[in-house]
């Protein structure tokens, strides 16, 4: 059983204290620009891009990557807010998500991508050079909704279908984590279920969803791995073995 990520999370100032990063000051706007400029020039692919750094799950993923001392780039709406939360451990990127030039810049130096929400992959022209893409998909939840909820989810459903289709046809190693409804329950308390069809009716805590994405990051499948997961009774002692088992079952 893993520790819930909320065990580690306490916000920007304390995080910077743990890792020795300085507090923000009035000169940090220039730091933000310099980090983006340097990342654009850097050809080494050693970063992980989180495609939604404003999303709650995305922020939890970012924190986990920082703890693992992995170079992180994140798409955010507010650079300074991201820096106040995570200090200089994150390279925040802001821009028009429909702008090919911005998307190309955001992928500079990136070896892997984690998508906590849908919609990013359908906008990217090329994923050349990317070694692994992990996406958190609620496709089953969107498909199972009805009435007013189905109308609310219609655009998200379309984007999720596009993302999965693009990723599967790209030939890039990928892991698609199809979850049930996401909840605010504390992670690390329950086990899991990976049964076929479980995502249509089950639920998964957001913390556990983020944790699974992090565990999947460095277990790169030869081609692709698609699986469903919700909270359940099954205990996972070794995630590398679990992913291998899921690959065999697929």
Protein backbone atom coordinates (compact mmCIF):
# COMPACT_ATOMS: atom_id res chain seq x y z
CA UNK A 1 0.00 0.00 0.00
CA UNK A 2 1.38 3.37 -0.96
CA UNK A 3 1.34 6.50 1.13
CA UNK A 4 -1.26 9.01 -0.08
CA UNK A 5 0.29 11.95 -1.90
CA UNK A 6 -1.52 14.29 0.48
CA UNK A 7 0.96 12.94 3.05
CA UNK A 8 3.67 14.90 1.21
CA UNK A 9 1.66 17.87 0.00
CA UNK A 10 1.74 21.09 2.01
CA UNK A 11 2.03 23.88 -0.59
CA UNK A 12 4.69 26.08 -2.09
CA UNK A 13 6.62 27.78 0.75
CA UNK A 14 7.09 24.59 2.76
CA UNK A 15 8.01 22.62 -0.34
CA UNK A 16 10.72 25.15 -1.15
CA UNK A 17 11.96 24.90 2.44
CA UNK A 18 12.26 21.12 2.14
CA UNK A 19 14.35 21.34 -1.01
CA UNK A 20 16.25 24.55 -0.33
CA UNK A 21 14.74 26.66 -3.11
CA UNK A 22 14.58 30.42 -2.45
CA UNK A 23 11.30 32.20 -1.92
CA UNK A 24 9.90 34.22 -4.80
CA UNK A 25 10.71 37.89 -5.17
CA UNK A 26 10.08 40.66 -7.64
CA UNK A 27 12.85 39.41 -9.93
CA UNK A 28 11.26 36.04 -10.44
CA UNK A 29 9.34 37.13 -13.55
CA UNK A 30 12.70 37.30 -15.35
CA UNK A 31 13.56 33.86 -13.97
CA UNK A 32 10.37 32.50 -15.50
CA UNK A 33 11.31 33.84 -18.91
CA UNK A 34 14.86 32.55 -18.67
CA UNK A 35 13.73 29.04 -17.77
CA UNK A 36 11.49 28.92 -20.81
CA UNK A 37 14.21 30.34 -23.08
CA UNK A 38 16.79 27.86 -21.86
CA UNK A 39 14.38 24.94 -22.26
CA UNK A 40 13.75 26.00 -25.83
CA UNK A 41 17.45 25.88 -26.62
CA UNK A 42 18.09 22.64 -24.74
CA UNK A 43 17.96 19.58 -27.01
CA UNK A 44 18.45 17.01 -24.22
CA UNK A 45 15.22 15.09 -23.68
CA UNK A 46 15.16 14.72 -19.91
CA UNK A 47 11.91 16.46 -18.93
CA UNK A 48 8.40 15.22 -18.25
CA UNK A 49 5.61 17.47 -19.49
CA UNK A 50 2.41 17.63 -17.44
CA UNK A 51 -0.23 18.99 -19.80
CA UNK A 52 -2.50 20.54 -17.16
CA UNK A 53 -0.66 22.04 -14.22
CA UNK A 54 -3.80 23.83 -13.00
CA UNK A 55 -5.77 20.62 -12.57
CA UNK A 56 -5.82 19.09 -9.08
CA UNK A 57 -4.51 15.75 -10.31
CA UNK A 58 -1.94 17.50 -12.48
CA UNK A 59 -0.61 19.41 -9.47
CA UNK A 60 -0.36 16.19 -7.47
CA UNK A 61 1.56 14.58 -10.34
CA UNK A 62 3.91 17.58 -10.49
CA UNK A 63 4.62 17.29 -6.78
CA UNK A 64 5.43 13.59 -7.14
CA UNK A 65 7.81 14.29 -10.01
CA UNK A 66 9.55 16.98 -7.94
CA UNK A 67 9.96 14.55 -5.06
CA UNK A 68 11.56 12.10 -7.51
CA UNK A 69 13.84 14.95 -8.65
CA UNK A 70 12.64 14.72 -12.24
CA UNK A 71 12.79 17.80 -14.44
CA UNK A 72 9.22 19.02 -14.88
CA UNK A 73 7.57 21.21 -17.49
CA UNK A 74 3.92 22.09 -17.07
CA UNK A 75 1.27 23.87 -19.08
CA UNK A 76 -0.40 26.43 -16.81
CA UNK A 77 -2.57 29.50 -17.06
CA UNK A 78 -0.56 31.55 -14.55
CA UNK A 79 3.24 31.22 -14.42
CA UNK A 80 3.64 33.10 -11.18
CA UNK A 81 0.99 31.05 -9.39
CA UNK A 82 2.83 27.90 -10.49
CA UNK A 83 6.11 29.28 -9.18
CA UNK A 84 4.50 30.23 -5.88
CA UNK A 85 3.27 26.64 -5.53
CA UNK A 86 6.35 24.77 -6.71
CA UNK A 87 9.27 27.21 -6.76
CA UNK A 88 11.90 26.85 -9.46
CA UNK A 89 11.47 23.07 -9.65
CA UNK A 90 8.91 23.48 -12.43
CA UNK A 91 9.25 25.15 -15.84
CA UNK A 92 5.79 26.67 -16.31
CA UNK A 93 4.60 27.22 -19.87
CA UNK A 94 1.77 29.57 -20.80
CA UNK A 95 0.36 30.21 -24.24
CA UNK A 96 -2.41 29.42 -26.69
CA UNK A 97 -2.98 25.63 -26.58
CA UNK A 98 -4.13 25.80 -30.20
CA UNK A 99 -0.93 27.51 -31.38
CA UNK A 100 1.38 24.98 -33.10
CA UNK A 101 4.45 27.09 -32.29
CA UNK A 102 3.60 27.14 -28.58
CA UNK A 103 2.94 23.40 -28.53
CA UNK A 104 6.23 22.72 -30.29
CA UNK A 105 8.02 24.90 -27.73
CA UNK A 106 6.33 23.12 -24.84
CA UNK A 107 7.61 19.76 -26.12
CA UNK A 108 11.22 20.97 -26.40
CA UNK A 109 13.45 18.77 -24.25
CA UNK A 110 10.56 16.47 -23.26
CA UNK A 111 11.04 12.70 -23.05
CA UNK A 112 7.61 11.79 -21.70
CA UNK A 113 4.15 13.31 -21.36
CA UNK A 114 1.53 12.84 -18.67
CA UNK A 115 -1.97 14.04 -19.57
CA UNK A 116 -4.23 14.28 -16.48
CA UNK A 117 -7.05 15.72 -18.61
CA UNK A 118 -8.19 15.25 -22.18
CA UNK A 119 -7.65 17.56 -25.15
CA UNK A 120 -3.89 18.05 -25.45
CA UNK A 121 -2.99 15.31 -27.94
CA UNK A 122 -5.71 16.30 -30.39
CA UNK A 123 -3.95 19.68 -30.84
CA UNK A 124 -0.35 18.49 -31.25
CA UNK A 125 0.96 18.20 -34.81
CA UNK A 126 3.87 15.88 -33.99
CA UNK A 127 5.01 13.73 -31.08
CA UNK A 128 8.34 12.90 -32.73
CA UNK A 129 11.03 12.14 -30.18
CA UNK A 130 8.63 11.42 -27.32
CA UNK A 131 9.46 8.12 -25.63
CA UNK A 132 6.27 7.52 -23.64
CA UNK A 133 2.85 9.10 -23.18
CA UNK A 134 0.64 8.41 -20.17
CA UNK A 135 -2.95 9.62 -20.30
CA UNK A 136 -5.64 9.53 -17.66
CA UNK A 137 -8.85 8.76 -19.52
CA UNK A 138 -12.44 8.97 -18.29
CA UNK A 139 -13.76 7.74 -21.62
CA UNK A 140 -15.85 5.00 -20.01
CA UNK A 141 -17.43 7.49 -17.60
CA UNK A 142 -18.30 9.90 -20.40
CA UNK A 143 -19.77 7.12 -22.53
CA UNK A 144 -21.85 5.87 -19.62
CA UNK A 145 -23.39 9.24 -18.77
CA UNK A 146 -26.96 10.07 -19.79
CA UNK A 147 -29.42 12.94 -19.84
CA UNK A 148 -28.09 16.35 -18.84
CA UNK A 149 -24.78 14.85 -17.72
CA UNK A 150 -24.27 13.39 -21.19
CA UNK A 151 -24.74 16.85 -22.68
CA UNK A 152 -22.25 18.31 -20.20
CA UNK A 153 -19.73 15.59 -21.02
CA UNK A 154 -20.21 15.65 -24.80
CA UNK A 155 -17.15 17.77 -25.57
CA UNK A 156 -14.96 15.92 -23.07
CA UNK A 157 -16.11 12.63 -24.64
CA UNK A 158 -15.10 13.84 -28.10
CA UNK A 159 -11.69 15.00 -26.89
CA UNK A 160 -11.06 11.76 -24.96
CA UNK A 161 -11.91 9.69 -28.03
CA UNK A 162 -9.62 11.82 -30.20
CA UNK A 163 -6.75 11.63 -27.71
CA UNK A 164 -6.94 7.85 -27.43
CA UNK A 165 -7.26 7.37 -31.18
CA UNK A 166 -4.33 9.68 -31.96
CA UNK A 167 -2.14 8.05 -29.35
CA UNK A 168 -2.91 4.47 -30.38
CA UNK A 169 -2.29 5.23 -34.06
CA UNK A 170 0.93 7.20 -33.37
CA UNK A 171 3.04 4.11 -32.72
CA UNK A 172 4.59 5.83 -29.70
CA UNK A 173 4.78 3.69 -26.54
CA UNK A 174 1.79 4.69 -24.45
CA UNK A 175 -0.16 3.86 -21.33
CA UNK A 176 -3.86 4.69 -21.24
CA UNK A 177 -5.28 4.56 -17.72
CA UNK A 178 -9.07 4.35 -18.02
CA UNK A 179 -10.51 5.29 -14.67
CA UNK A 180 -13.94 5.26 -13.15
CA UNK A 181 -15.48 8.43 -11.74
CA UNK A 182 -12.79 10.43 -9.94
CA UNK A 183 -13.39 11.21 -6.27
CA UNK A 184 -11.81 13.35 -3.57
CA UNK A 185 -11.33 10.37 -1.25
CA UNK A 186 -7.92 10.06 0.34
CA UNK A 187 -5.54 7.92 -1.69
CA UNK A 188 -3.74 4.86 -0.37
CA UNK A 189 -6.66 3.64 1.71
CA UNK A 190 -8.25 1.19 -0.72
CA UNK A 191 -6.99 -1.46 -3.08
CA UNK A 192 -7.82 -1.64 -6.76
CA UNK A 193 -9.82 -3.52 -9.36
CA UNK A 194 -8.65 -3.97 -12.93
CA UNK A 195 -11.60 -6.04 -14.19
CA UNK A 196 -12.88 -5.38 -17.67
CA UNK A 197 -15.81 -2.97 -17.53
CA UNK A 198 -15.05 -1.77 -14.00
CA UNK A 199 -14.49 1.85 -15.06
CA UNK A 200 -18.07 2.24 -16.25
CA UNK A 201 -19.51 1.89 -12.75
CA UNK A 202 -16.66 2.19 -10.26
CA UNK A 203 -14.70 5.13 -8.89
CA UNK A 204 -11.08 6.01 -8.19
CA UNK A 205 -9.64 8.60 -5.84
CA UNK A 206 -7.79 11.44 -7.56
CA UNK A 207 -4.72 10.79 -5.44
CA UNK A 208 -4.65 7.14 -6.50
CA UNK A 209 -5.13 8.20 -10.13
CA UNK A 210 -2.10 10.50 -9.89
CA UNK A 211 -0.08 7.78 -8.17
CA UNK A 212 -0.83 5.26 -10.94
CA UNK A 213 0.28 7.75 -13.60
CA UNK A 214 3.58 8.24 -11.79
CA UNK A 215 4.11 4.49 -11.41
CA UNK A 216 3.34 3.97 -15.10
CA UNK A 217 5.74 6.67 -16.27
CA UNK A 218 8.95 4.62 -16.29
CA UNK A 219 7.35 1.27 -17.13
CA UNK A 220 7.38 1.81 -20.87
CA UNK A 221 5.42 -0.78 -22.87
CA UNK A 222 6.81 -2.05 -26.17
CA UNK A 223 3.82 -0.61 -28.00
CA UNK A 224 0.89 0.33 -25.82
CA UNK A 225 -0.99 -0.63 -22.68
CA UNK A 226 -4.65 0.19 -22.14
CA UNK A 227 -6.34 -0.86 -18.90
CA UNK A 228 -9.25 0.00 -16.63
CA UNK A 229 -8.87 0.70 -12.93
CA UNK A 230 -11.06 1.67 -9.98
CA UNK A 231 -10.70 1.34 -6.24
CA UNK A 232 -11.41 -2.18 -5.06
CA UNK A 233 -10.07 -5.06 -3.00
CA UNK A 234 -6.93 -6.06 -4.89
CA UNK A 235 -3.68 -5.01 -3.24
CA UNK A 236 -0.79 -4.09 -5.51
CA UNK A 237 2.62 -4.75 -3.96
CA UNK A 238 4.69 -4.21 -7.09
CA UNK A 239 3.40 -1.95 -9.84
CA UNK A 240 5.98 -3.05 -12.39
CA UNK A 241 4.71 -6.62 -12.00
CA UNK A 242 1.12 -5.37 -12.14
CA UNK A 243 1.72 -3.58 -15.45
CA UNK A 244 3.38 -6.70 -16.84
CA UNK A 245 0.35 -8.73 -15.78
CA UNK A 246 -2.02 -6.26 -17.42
CA UNK A 247 0.04 -6.35 -20.60
CA UNK A 248 -0.21 -10.14 -20.72
CA UNK A 249 -3.96 -10.02 -20.18
CA UNK A 250 -4.38 -7.48 -22.96
